[in-house]
């Protein structure tokens, strides 16, 4: 949905659109850098998050709450497979993306939220307002069903540096085989995976 222009339903494209996604990922990575995170377990995709400056998402131009600000990176969508939902994976993927953006010197992120219950979590490209609020986002452009929300990364960068300094001082043993969301390199391979 995000990668195409014009007025479209607020719904993710079918799996058959993987070639379009691959071209989009290649174009964004070549001109801006990594544009997402994917969580895998035993080679199976459990969830993914997609982000880039708003100019890479033509659909943002027609969102009712208005375009994202030029100084912000748009978190366009977050999907977690149904059998692993509500276990914190969405939060982990978002935090991995925020760490990446802080390390790249980005100043803010924005996302369109959906008020109330997300009607179809499997097809919705929008995250719930409640989820975004819990992650520290605030509403910057109200809308009854899809407000634009924002998180300033400056405070996150300071907090991240403090936490990392404390963790280094503790000299905790390293965990072997720790699972970390990986950068989005290519479209999902699983037949049941959406974009």
N, C-alpha and C. Protein backbone atom coordinates (compact mmCIF):
# COMPACT_ATOMS: atom_id res chain seq x y z
N UNK A 1 0.81 -1.19 0.00
CA UNK A 1 0.00 0.00 0.00
C UNK A 1 0.86 1.26 0.00
N UNK A 2 1.85 1.34 0.87
CA UNK A 2 2.63 2.57 1.06
C UNK A 2 3.44 2.96 -0.15
N UNK A 3 3.90 2.00 -0.92
CA UNK A 3 4.84 2.27 -2.01
C UNK A 3 4.17 2.78 -3.28
N UNK A 4 2.83 2.83 -3.29
CA UNK A 4 2.11 3.25 -4.49
C UNK A 4 1.42 4.58 -4.26
N UNK A 5 1.18 5.30 -5.32
CA UNK A 5 0.51 6.60 -5.22
C UNK A 5 -0.99 6.48 -5.43
N UNK A 6 -1.68 7.61 -5.34
CA UNK A 6 -3.11 7.66 -5.56
C UNK A 6 -3.88 7.17 -4.35
N UNK A 7 -5.17 7.37 -4.38
CA UNK A 7 -6.02 6.92 -3.27
C UNK A 7 -6.24 5.42 -3.36
N UNK A 8 -5.88 4.73 -2.31
CA UNK A 8 -6.03 3.28 -2.23
C UNK A 8 -6.67 2.94 -0.89
N UNK A 9 -7.26 1.77 -0.79
CA UNK A 9 -7.76 1.34 0.52
C UNK A 9 -6.59 1.19 1.49
N UNK A 10 -6.83 1.45 2.75
CA UNK A 10 -5.78 1.31 3.76
C UNK A 10 -5.69 -0.17 4.10
N UNK A 11 -4.97 -0.90 3.24
CA UNK A 11 -4.84 -2.34 3.37
C UNK A 11 -3.56 -2.78 2.67
N UNK A 12 -2.90 -3.76 3.24
CA UNK A 12 -1.66 -4.26 2.65
C UNK A 12 -1.93 -4.97 1.33
N UNK A 13 -0.95 -4.93 0.46
CA UNK A 13 -1.05 -5.59 -0.84
C UNK A 13 -0.97 -7.10 -0.66
N UNK A 14 -1.47 -7.86 -1.62
CA UNK A 14 -1.39 -9.32 -1.53
C UNK A 14 0.05 -9.81 -1.69
N UNK A 15 0.27 -11.06 -1.32
CA UNK A 15 1.60 -11.67 -1.38
C UNK A 15 2.19 -11.59 -2.79
N UNK A 16 1.36 -11.59 -3.82
CA UNK A 16 1.86 -11.57 -5.19
C UNK A 16 2.65 -10.30 -5.51
N UNK A 17 2.59 -9.29 -4.69
CA UNK A 17 3.27 -8.02 -4.96
C UNK A 17 4.72 -8.02 -4.46
N UNK A 18 5.30 -9.19 -4.21
CA UNK A 18 6.66 -9.28 -3.67
C UNK A 18 7.70 -8.67 -4.58
N UNK A 19 7.54 -8.78 -5.89
CA UNK A 19 8.52 -8.19 -6.81
C UNK A 19 8.55 -6.67 -6.66
N UNK A 20 7.37 -6.07 -6.50
CA UNK A 20 7.31 -4.62 -6.28
C UNK A 20 8.03 -4.25 -4.99
N UNK A 21 7.81 -5.04 -3.95
CA UNK A 21 8.47 -4.79 -2.67
C UNK A 21 9.98 -4.91 -2.80
N UNK A 22 10.44 -5.92 -3.53
CA UNK A 22 11.88 -6.11 -3.73
C UNK A 22 12.49 -4.90 -4.43
N UNK A 23 11.82 -4.39 -5.44
CA UNK A 23 12.33 -3.20 -6.15
C UNK A 23 12.34 -1.98 -5.22
N UNK A 24 11.29 -1.83 -4.42
CA UNK A 24 11.23 -0.71 -3.48
C UNK A 24 12.37 -0.80 -2.46
N UNK A 25 12.57 -1.97 -1.87
CA UNK A 25 13.64 -2.16 -0.88
C UNK A 25 15.00 -1.83 -1.51
N UNK A 26 15.24 -2.32 -2.72
CA UNK A 26 16.53 -2.06 -3.39
C UNK A 26 16.72 -0.56 -3.63
N UNK A 27 15.67 0.13 -4.06
CA UNK A 27 15.77 1.56 -4.34
C UNK A 27 16.03 2.36 -3.05
N UNK A 28 15.31 2.04 -1.99
CA UNK A 28 15.49 2.77 -0.73
C UNK A 28 16.87 2.48 -0.14
N UNK A 29 17.28 1.22 -0.15
CA UNK A 29 18.60 0.87 0.41
C UNK A 29 19.72 1.54 -0.35
N UNK A 30 19.59 1.67 -1.67
CA UNK A 30 20.68 2.28 -2.44
C UNK A 30 20.76 3.78 -2.23
N UNK A 31 19.65 4.44 -1.93
CA UNK A 31 19.70 5.90 -1.78
C UNK A 31 19.61 6.38 -0.33
N UNK A 32 19.14 5.54 0.59
CA UNK A 32 18.98 5.99 1.98
C UNK A 32 19.59 5.03 2.99
N UNK A 33 19.49 3.74 2.76
CA UNK A 33 20.03 2.74 3.70
C UNK A 33 18.96 1.73 4.09
N UNK A 34 19.29 0.93 5.13
CA UNK A 34 18.36 -0.09 5.61
C UNK A 34 17.01 0.53 5.90
N UNK A 35 15.95 -0.19 5.55
CA UNK A 35 14.61 0.37 5.66
C UNK A 35 13.64 -0.56 6.37
N UNK A 36 14.15 -1.43 7.20
CA UNK A 36 13.25 -2.30 7.95
C UNK A 36 14.00 -3.28 8.82
N UNK A 37 13.25 -4.01 9.59
CA UNK A 37 13.77 -5.06 10.44
C UNK A 37 12.85 -6.27 10.30
N UNK A 38 13.46 -7.46 10.35
CA UNK A 38 12.72 -8.71 10.25
C UNK A 38 13.14 -9.60 11.41
N UNK A 39 12.17 -10.24 12.05
CA UNK A 39 12.46 -11.21 13.11
C UNK A 39 12.24 -12.61 12.54
N UNK A 40 13.28 -13.42 12.64
CA UNK A 40 13.24 -14.80 12.15
C UNK A 40 13.42 -15.76 13.31
N UNK A 41 12.86 -16.94 13.17
CA UNK A 41 13.18 -18.04 14.07
C UNK A 41 13.23 -19.30 13.22
N UNK A 42 14.37 -19.97 13.23
CA UNK A 42 14.58 -21.18 12.43
C UNK A 42 14.24 -20.94 10.96
N UNK A 43 14.63 -19.78 10.44
CA UNK A 43 14.41 -19.45 9.04
C UNK A 43 13.01 -19.00 8.70
N UNK A 44 12.12 -18.97 9.68
CA UNK A 44 10.73 -18.57 9.44
C UNK A 44 10.54 -17.12 9.91
N UNK A 45 9.88 -16.31 9.07
CA UNK A 45 9.61 -14.92 9.42
C UNK A 45 8.51 -14.87 10.47
N UNK A 46 8.81 -14.21 11.60
CA UNK A 46 7.82 -14.04 12.65
C UNK A 46 7.17 -12.67 12.61
N UNK A 47 7.90 -11.69 12.08
CA UNK A 47 7.36 -10.34 12.01
C UNK A 47 8.33 -9.42 11.30
N UNK A 48 7.83 -8.25 10.88
CA UNK A 48 8.71 -7.27 10.24
C UNK A 48 8.17 -5.87 10.45
N UNK A 49 9.04 -4.91 10.29
CA UNK A 49 8.72 -3.50 10.41
C UNK A 49 9.42 -2.77 9.27
N UNK A 50 8.72 -1.83 8.64
CA UNK A 50 9.25 -1.11 7.48
C UNK A 50 9.29 0.38 7.81
N UNK A 51 10.42 1.05 7.46
CA UNK A 51 10.55 2.48 7.73
C UNK A 51 11.48 3.14 6.72
N UNK A 52 11.25 4.43 6.49
CA UNK A 52 12.08 5.24 5.58
C UNK A 52 11.52 6.66 5.64
N UNK A 53 12.25 7.63 5.11
CA UNK A 53 11.68 8.98 5.03
C UNK A 53 10.38 8.95 4.22
N UNK A 54 9.47 9.85 4.55
CA UNK A 54 8.15 9.89 3.94
C UNK A 54 8.16 9.96 2.42
N UNK A 55 9.21 10.54 1.83
CA UNK A 55 9.26 10.67 0.37
C UNK A 55 9.27 9.31 -0.34
N UNK A 56 9.65 8.26 0.37
CA UNK A 56 9.66 6.92 -0.22
C UNK A 56 8.31 6.21 -0.14
N UNK A 57 7.33 6.85 0.50
CA UNK A 57 6.00 6.27 0.67
C UNK A 57 4.96 7.19 0.03
N UNK A 58 4.72 7.08 -1.28
CA UNK A 58 3.77 7.96 -1.96
C UNK A 58 2.38 7.99 -1.32
N UNK A 59 1.95 6.90 -0.73
CA UNK A 59 0.62 6.85 -0.14
C UNK A 59 0.48 7.82 1.04
N UNK A 60 1.59 8.17 1.68
CA UNK A 60 1.54 9.11 2.80
C UNK A 60 1.02 10.48 2.36
N UNK A 61 1.17 10.81 1.08
CA UNK A 61 0.72 12.11 0.57
C UNK A 61 -0.80 12.24 0.60
N UNK A 62 -1.52 11.13 0.63
CA UNK A 62 -2.98 11.20 0.61
C UNK A 62 -3.61 10.80 1.95
N UNK A 63 -2.80 10.59 2.97
CA UNK A 63 -3.35 10.26 4.28
C UNK A 63 -4.09 11.47 4.83
N UNK A 64 -5.23 11.24 5.45
CA UNK A 64 -6.10 12.32 5.91
C UNK A 64 -5.43 13.22 6.95
N UNK A 65 -4.52 12.69 7.75
CA UNK A 65 -3.85 13.50 8.77
C UNK A 65 -2.70 14.32 8.18
N UNK A 66 -2.43 14.17 6.91
CA UNK A 66 -1.37 14.93 6.26
C UNK A 66 -0.08 14.15 6.14
N UNK A 67 0.85 14.73 5.38
CA UNK A 67 2.15 14.11 5.14
C UNK A 67 3.00 14.10 6.41
N UNK A 68 3.92 13.15 6.52
CA UNK A 68 4.87 13.21 7.63
C UNK A 68 5.81 14.40 7.43
N UNK A 69 6.37 14.90 8.50
CA UNK A 69 7.32 16.01 8.41
C UNK A 69 8.60 15.55 7.73
N UNK A 70 9.26 16.47 7.03
CA UNK A 70 10.49 16.15 6.30
C UNK A 70 11.63 15.74 7.23
N UNK A 71 11.60 16.16 8.50
CA UNK A 71 12.69 15.82 9.41
C UNK A 71 12.50 14.47 10.09
N UNK A 72 11.42 13.76 9.75
CA UNK A 72 11.11 12.50 10.42
C UNK A 72 11.17 11.32 9.47
N UNK A 73 11.46 10.18 10.03
CA UNK A 73 11.40 8.90 9.31
C UNK A 73 10.02 8.31 9.61
N UNK A 74 9.35 7.81 8.59
CA UNK A 74 8.02 7.23 8.77
C UNK A 74 8.14 5.73 9.03
N UNK A 75 7.57 5.30 10.15
CA UNK A 75 7.43 3.86 10.42
C UNK A 75 6.11 3.49 9.76
N UNK A 76 6.21 2.84 8.60
CA UNK A 76 5.04 2.64 7.76
C UNK A 76 4.18 1.46 8.19
N UNK A 77 4.79 0.37 8.58
CA UNK A 77 3.96 -0.77 8.98
C UNK A 77 4.74 -1.71 9.88
N UNK A 78 3.99 -2.46 10.65
CA UNK A 78 4.53 -3.45 11.56
C UNK A 78 3.58 -4.64 11.53
N UNK A 79 4.11 -5.79 11.18
CA UNK A 79 3.29 -7.01 11.16
C UNK A 79 3.97 -8.09 11.99
N UNK A 80 3.17 -8.79 12.77
CA UNK A 80 3.64 -9.92 13.56
C UNK A 80 2.70 -11.08 13.26
N UNK A 81 3.27 -12.25 13.02
CA UNK A 81 2.47 -13.43 12.71
C UNK A 81 1.49 -13.73 13.86
N UNK A 82 0.27 -14.17 13.52
CA UNK A 82 -0.77 -14.37 14.53
C UNK A 82 -0.37 -15.27 15.70
N UNK A 83 0.39 -16.33 15.45
CA UNK A 83 0.71 -17.26 16.54
C UNK A 83 1.76 -16.74 17.51
N UNK A 84 2.39 -15.58 17.23
CA UNK A 84 3.37 -15.01 18.17
C UNK A 84 2.99 -13.58 18.59
N UNK A 85 1.75 -13.19 18.33
CA UNK A 85 1.30 -11.85 18.72
C UNK A 85 1.13 -11.74 20.23
N UNK A 86 1.14 -10.48 20.67
CA UNK A 86 0.89 -10.15 22.08
C UNK A 86 1.95 -10.74 23.01
N UNK A 87 3.16 -10.95 22.48
CA UNK A 87 4.26 -11.45 23.30
C UNK A 87 5.43 -10.46 23.32
N UNK A 88 5.24 -9.26 22.75
CA UNK A 88 6.29 -8.25 22.79
C UNK A 88 7.16 -8.15 21.56
N UNK A 89 6.90 -8.97 20.54
CA UNK A 89 7.75 -8.94 19.35
C UNK A 89 7.64 -7.62 18.60
N UNK A 90 6.45 -7.04 18.54
CA UNK A 90 6.28 -5.75 17.88
C UNK A 90 7.12 -4.68 18.55
N UNK A 91 7.14 -4.67 19.86
CA UNK A 91 7.95 -3.72 20.61
C UNK A 91 9.44 -3.94 20.33
N UNK A 92 9.87 -5.19 20.27
CA UNK A 92 11.27 -5.51 19.98
C UNK A 92 11.66 -5.00 18.59
N UNK A 93 10.81 -5.23 17.61
CA UNK A 93 11.10 -4.77 16.25
C UNK A 93 11.17 -3.24 16.20
N UNK A 94 10.23 -2.57 16.86
CA UNK A 94 10.25 -1.11 16.87
C UNK A 94 11.50 -0.59 17.57
N UNK A 95 11.88 -1.18 18.69
CA UNK A 95 13.08 -0.73 19.40
C UNK A 95 14.34 -0.96 18.57
N UNK A 96 14.39 -2.05 17.83
CA UNK A 96 15.55 -2.30 16.95
C UNK A 96 15.62 -1.22 15.87
N UNK A 97 14.48 -0.85 15.31
CA UNK A 97 14.45 0.20 14.30
C UNK A 97 14.88 1.54 14.90
N UNK A 98 14.39 1.84 16.10
CA UNK A 98 14.74 3.11 16.75
C UNK A 98 16.23 3.17 17.06
N UNK A 99 16.82 2.06 17.51
CA UNK A 99 18.28 2.02 17.74
C UNK A 99 19.03 2.31 16.45
N UNK A 100 18.58 1.69 15.35
CA UNK A 100 19.21 1.93 14.06
C UNK A 100 19.12 3.41 13.69
N UNK A 101 17.95 3.99 13.84
CA UNK A 101 17.75 5.39 13.44
C UNK A 101 18.54 6.35 14.32
N UNK A 102 18.63 6.08 15.61
CA UNK A 102 19.45 6.91 16.50
C UNK A 102 20.91 6.83 16.08
N UNK A 103 21.40 5.63 15.76
CA UNK A 103 22.80 5.48 15.36
C UNK A 103 23.09 6.17 14.04
N UNK A 104 22.08 6.40 13.22
CA UNK A 104 22.24 7.08 11.94
C UNK A 104 22.04 8.59 12.06
N UNK A 105 21.74 9.05 13.27
CA UNK A 105 21.60 10.48 13.48
C UNK A 105 20.24 11.04 13.14
N UNK A 106 19.24 10.19 12.96
CA UNK A 106 17.88 10.69 12.69
C UNK A 106 17.33 11.37 13.94
N UNK A 107 16.46 12.34 13.73
CA UNK A 107 15.96 13.16 14.84
C UNK A 107 14.59 12.75 15.35
N UNK A 108 13.75 12.19 14.48
CA UNK A 108 12.38 11.87 14.90
C UNK A 108 11.82 10.78 14.00
N UNK A 109 10.82 10.07 14.53
CA UNK A 109 10.05 9.11 13.74
C UNK A 109 8.57 9.47 13.86
N UNK A 110 7.85 9.17 12.82
CA UNK A 110 6.41 9.36 12.82
C UNK A 110 5.74 8.10 12.33
N UNK A 111 4.49 7.94 12.68
CA UNK A 111 3.71 6.78 12.25
C UNK A 111 2.25 7.17 12.27
N UNK A 112 1.47 6.58 11.37
CA UNK A 112 0.03 6.76 11.40
C UNK A 112 -0.54 5.67 12.28
N UNK A 113 -1.33 6.08 13.25
CA UNK A 113 -1.99 5.11 14.12
C UNK A 113 -3.42 4.91 13.69
N UNK A 114 -4.02 3.86 14.19
CA UNK A 114 -5.45 3.64 13.95
C UNK A 114 -6.12 3.63 15.31
N UNK A 115 -7.22 4.40 15.41
CA UNK A 115 -7.93 4.49 16.68
C UNK A 115 -8.83 3.26 16.85
N UNK A 116 -9.09 2.92 18.08
CA UNK A 116 -9.93 1.76 18.36
C UNK A 116 -9.21 0.47 18.00
N UNK A 117 -9.98 -0.58 17.83
CA UNK A 117 -9.41 -1.87 17.46
C UNK A 117 -8.98 -1.85 16.00
N UNK A 118 -7.83 -2.45 15.71
CA UNK A 118 -7.38 -2.59 14.33
C UNK A 118 -8.31 -3.62 13.70
N UNK A 119 -9.07 -3.22 12.66
CA UNK A 119 -10.09 -4.11 12.11
C UNK A 119 -9.56 -5.45 11.62
N UNK A 120 -8.46 -5.47 10.91
CA UNK A 120 -7.89 -6.71 10.38
C UNK A 120 -6.37 -6.62 10.55
N UNK A 121 -5.87 -7.14 11.64
CA UNK A 121 -4.45 -7.01 11.95
C UNK A 121 -3.56 -7.65 10.88
N UNK A 122 -4.09 -8.62 10.14
CA UNK A 122 -3.30 -9.27 9.10
C UNK A 122 -3.15 -8.40 7.86
N UNK A 123 -4.07 -7.48 7.63
CA UNK A 123 -4.04 -6.68 6.40
C UNK A 123 -3.83 -5.19 6.65
N UNK A 124 -3.81 -4.75 7.90
CA UNK A 124 -3.70 -3.33 8.19
C UNK A 124 -2.24 -2.87 8.17
N UNK A 125 -1.95 -1.80 7.43
CA UNK A 125 -0.59 -1.24 7.44
C UNK A 125 -0.40 -0.25 8.59
N UNK A 126 -1.42 -0.05 9.41
CA UNK A 126 -1.34 0.91 10.51
C UNK A 126 -1.25 0.18 11.85
N UNK A 127 -0.49 0.77 12.77
CA UNK A 127 -0.39 0.26 14.13
C UNK A 127 -1.46 0.94 14.98
N UNK A 128 -1.82 0.34 16.08
CA UNK A 128 -2.84 0.96 16.93
C UNK A 128 -2.26 2.17 17.65
N UNK A 129 -3.11 3.16 17.87
CA UNK A 129 -2.70 4.36 18.60
C UNK A 129 -2.22 3.96 19.99
N UNK A 130 -2.91 3.01 20.62
CA UNK A 130 -2.53 2.58 21.97
C UNK A 130 -1.11 2.01 21.99
N UNK A 131 -0.77 1.19 21.01
CA UNK A 131 0.59 0.64 20.93
C UNK A 131 1.61 1.77 20.80
N UNK A 132 1.35 2.70 19.89
CA UNK A 132 2.29 3.80 19.67
C UNK A 132 2.41 4.68 20.91
N UNK A 133 1.32 4.94 21.61
CA UNK A 133 1.38 5.73 22.84
C UNK A 133 2.24 5.03 23.89
N UNK A 134 2.09 3.71 24.01
CA UNK A 134 2.90 2.95 24.99
C UNK A 134 4.38 3.01 24.65
N UNK A 135 4.72 3.24 23.38
CA UNK A 135 6.12 3.31 22.97
C UNK A 135 6.68 4.73 23.07
N UNK A 136 5.86 5.69 23.50
CA UNK A 136 6.34 7.05 23.69
C UNK A 136 5.94 8.04 22.61
N UNK A 137 5.17 7.61 21.62
CA UNK A 137 4.71 8.51 20.57
C UNK A 137 3.63 9.44 21.13
N UNK A 138 3.49 10.61 20.52
CA UNK A 138 2.41 11.52 20.83
C UNK A 138 1.71 11.90 19.53
N UNK A 139 0.45 12.32 19.63
CA UNK A 139 -0.30 12.73 18.45
C UNK A 139 0.16 14.12 18.05
N UNK A 140 0.59 14.29 16.79
CA UNK A 140 0.98 15.60 16.29
C UNK A 140 -0.03 16.17 15.31
N UNK A 141 -0.77 15.30 14.64
CA UNK A 141 -1.85 15.74 13.75
C UNK A 141 -3.05 14.85 14.00
N UNK A 142 -4.00 15.36 14.77
CA UNK A 142 -5.17 14.54 15.10
C UNK A 142 -6.01 14.20 13.87
N UNK A 143 -6.64 13.07 13.94
CA UNK A 143 -7.62 12.64 12.95
C UNK A 143 -8.49 11.61 13.67
N UNK A 144 -9.81 11.56 13.36
CA UNK A 144 -10.69 10.65 14.11
C UNK A 144 -10.34 9.17 13.98
N UNK A 145 -9.78 8.75 12.84
CA UNK A 145 -9.48 7.32 12.68
C UNK A 145 -8.01 7.01 12.44
N UNK A 146 -7.20 7.96 11.92
CA UNK A 146 -5.80 7.67 11.61
C UNK A 146 -4.92 8.90 11.85
N UNK A 147 -4.67 9.23 13.13
CA UNK A 147 -3.82 10.38 13.43
C UNK A 147 -2.35 10.11 13.11
N UNK A 148 -1.62 11.19 12.86
CA UNK A 148 -0.17 11.09 12.68
C UNK A 148 0.48 11.27 14.05
N UNK A 149 1.37 10.35 14.39
CA UNK A 149 2.01 10.36 15.71
C UNK A 149 3.52 10.50 15.54
N UNK A 150 4.18 11.02 16.59
CA UNK A 150 5.60 11.34 16.50
C UNK A 150 6.34 10.96 17.77
N UNK A 151 7.60 10.57 17.59
CA UNK A 151 8.50 10.29 18.70
C UNK A 151 9.82 10.98 18.41
N UNK A 152 10.23 11.88 19.31
CA UNK A 152 11.51 12.56 19.18
C UNK A 152 12.61 11.60 19.62
N UNK A 153 13.66 11.46 18.82
CA UNK A 153 14.71 10.49 19.12
C UNK A 153 15.81 11.07 20.00
N UNK A 154 15.84 12.37 20.21
CA UNK A 154 16.89 12.98 21.03
C UNK A 154 16.85 12.42 22.45
N UNK A 155 15.67 12.38 23.04
CA UNK A 155 15.56 11.85 24.40
C UNK A 155 15.86 10.36 24.42
N UNK A 156 15.49 9.66 23.37
CA UNK A 156 15.78 8.23 23.28
C UNK A 156 17.28 7.99 23.19
N UNK A 157 18.00 8.83 22.44
CA UNK A 157 19.45 8.67 22.30
C UNK A 157 20.13 8.83 23.64
N UNK A 158 19.73 9.84 24.43
CA UNK A 158 20.32 10.05 25.74
C UNK A 158 20.03 8.87 26.65
N UNK A 159 18.79 8.42 26.64
CA UNK A 159 18.39 7.28 27.47
C UNK A 159 19.16 6.03 27.06
N UNK A 160 19.29 5.78 25.75
CA UNK A 160 20.00 4.61 25.25
C UNK A 160 21.46 4.63 25.68
N UNK A 161 22.12 5.78 25.56
CA UNK A 161 23.51 5.89 25.97
C UNK A 161 23.66 5.61 27.46
N UNK A 162 22.75 6.11 28.29
CA UNK A 162 22.82 5.89 29.73
C UNK A 162 22.65 4.41 30.06
N UNK A 163 21.67 3.78 29.44
CA UNK A 163 21.43 2.36 29.70
C UNK A 163 22.63 1.53 29.25
N UNK A 164 23.20 1.84 28.08
CA UNK A 164 24.36 1.09 27.61
C UNK A 164 25.54 1.27 28.55
N UNK A 165 25.74 2.46 29.07
CA UNK A 165 26.85 2.69 30.01
C UNK A 165 26.65 1.87 31.28
N UNK A 166 25.44 1.82 31.80
CA UNK A 166 25.15 1.03 33.00
C UNK A 166 25.36 -0.45 32.72
N UNK A 167 24.88 -0.93 31.58
CA UNK A 167 25.05 -2.36 31.25
C UNK A 167 26.52 -2.73 31.09
N UNK A 168 27.31 -1.85 30.48
CA UNK A 168 28.75 -2.13 30.34
C UNK A 168 29.42 -2.17 31.70
N UNK A 169 29.03 -1.30 32.61
CA UNK A 169 29.61 -1.27 33.95
C UNK A 169 29.28 -2.53 34.73
N UNK A 170 28.14 -3.14 34.45
CA UNK A 170 27.75 -4.36 35.16
C UNK A 170 28.56 -5.57 34.72
N UNK A 171 29.15 -5.52 33.55
CA UNK A 171 29.93 -6.63 32.98
C UNK A 171 29.15 -7.94 33.02
N UNK A 172 27.99 -7.89 32.44
CA UNK A 172 27.16 -9.08 32.38
C UNK A 172 27.75 -10.08 31.39
N UNK A 173 27.60 -11.38 31.66
CA UNK A 173 28.09 -12.37 30.68
C UNK A 173 27.30 -12.27 29.39
N UNK A 174 27.97 -12.51 28.29
CA UNK A 174 27.30 -12.48 26.98
C UNK A 174 26.42 -13.69 26.82
N UNK A 175 25.27 -13.47 26.21
CA UNK A 175 24.38 -14.58 25.89
C UNK A 175 24.75 -15.10 24.53
N UNK A 176 24.86 -16.40 24.42
CA UNK A 176 25.16 -17.01 23.14
C UNK A 176 23.85 -17.28 22.42
N UNK A 177 23.83 -17.00 21.12
CA UNK A 177 22.65 -17.27 20.33
C UNK A 177 21.50 -16.31 20.58
N UNK A 178 21.81 -15.12 21.04
CA UNK A 178 20.77 -14.12 21.30
C UNK A 178 20.05 -13.76 20.01
N UNK A 179 18.72 -13.69 20.07
CA UNK A 179 17.93 -13.34 18.89
C UNK A 179 17.83 -11.82 18.80
N UNK A 180 18.16 -11.30 17.62
CA UNK A 180 18.10 -9.86 17.35
C UNK A 180 17.44 -9.66 16.00
N UNK A 181 16.51 -8.72 15.89
CA UNK A 181 15.90 -8.48 14.57
C UNK A 181 16.96 -8.09 13.55
N UNK A 182 16.86 -8.64 12.37
CA UNK A 182 17.82 -8.40 11.31
C UNK A 182 17.32 -7.32 10.36
N UNK A 183 18.24 -6.62 9.67
CA UNK A 183 17.80 -5.63 8.68
C UNK A 183 16.99 -6.29 7.57
N UNK A 184 16.06 -5.53 7.00
CA UNK A 184 15.26 -6.00 5.89
C UNK A 184 16.13 -6.01 4.65
N UNK A 185 16.45 -7.21 4.14
CA UNK A 185 17.35 -7.34 3.00
C UNK A 185 16.58 -7.66 1.73
N UNK A 186 15.60 -8.52 1.85
CA UNK A 186 14.81 -8.89 0.68
C UNK A 186 13.40 -9.17 1.14
N UNK A 187 12.45 -9.24 0.22
CA UNK A 187 11.07 -9.53 0.61
C UNK A 187 10.98 -10.87 1.31
N UNK A 188 9.96 -11.03 2.10
CA UNK A 188 9.75 -12.25 2.85
C UNK A 188 9.60 -13.44 1.92
N UNK A 189 10.15 -14.55 2.35
CA UNK A 189 10.16 -15.74 1.51
C UNK A 189 8.95 -16.64 1.76
N UNK A 190 8.38 -16.55 2.92
CA UNK A 190 7.27 -17.42 3.28
C UNK A 190 6.02 -17.10 2.49
N UNK A 191 5.32 -18.12 2.03
CA UNK A 191 4.11 -17.91 1.22
C UNK A 191 3.03 -17.20 2.01
N UNK A 192 2.97 -17.42 3.32
CA UNK A 192 1.91 -16.79 4.11
C UNK A 192 2.27 -15.40 4.58
N UNK A 193 3.40 -14.87 4.17
CA UNK A 193 3.83 -13.58 4.69
C UNK A 193 3.30 -12.44 3.82
N UNK A 194 2.83 -11.41 4.50
CA UNK A 194 2.36 -10.22 3.80
C UNK A 194 3.46 -9.18 3.78
N UNK A 195 3.22 -8.10 3.02
CA UNK A 195 4.18 -7.00 3.04
C UNK A 195 3.61 -5.82 3.75
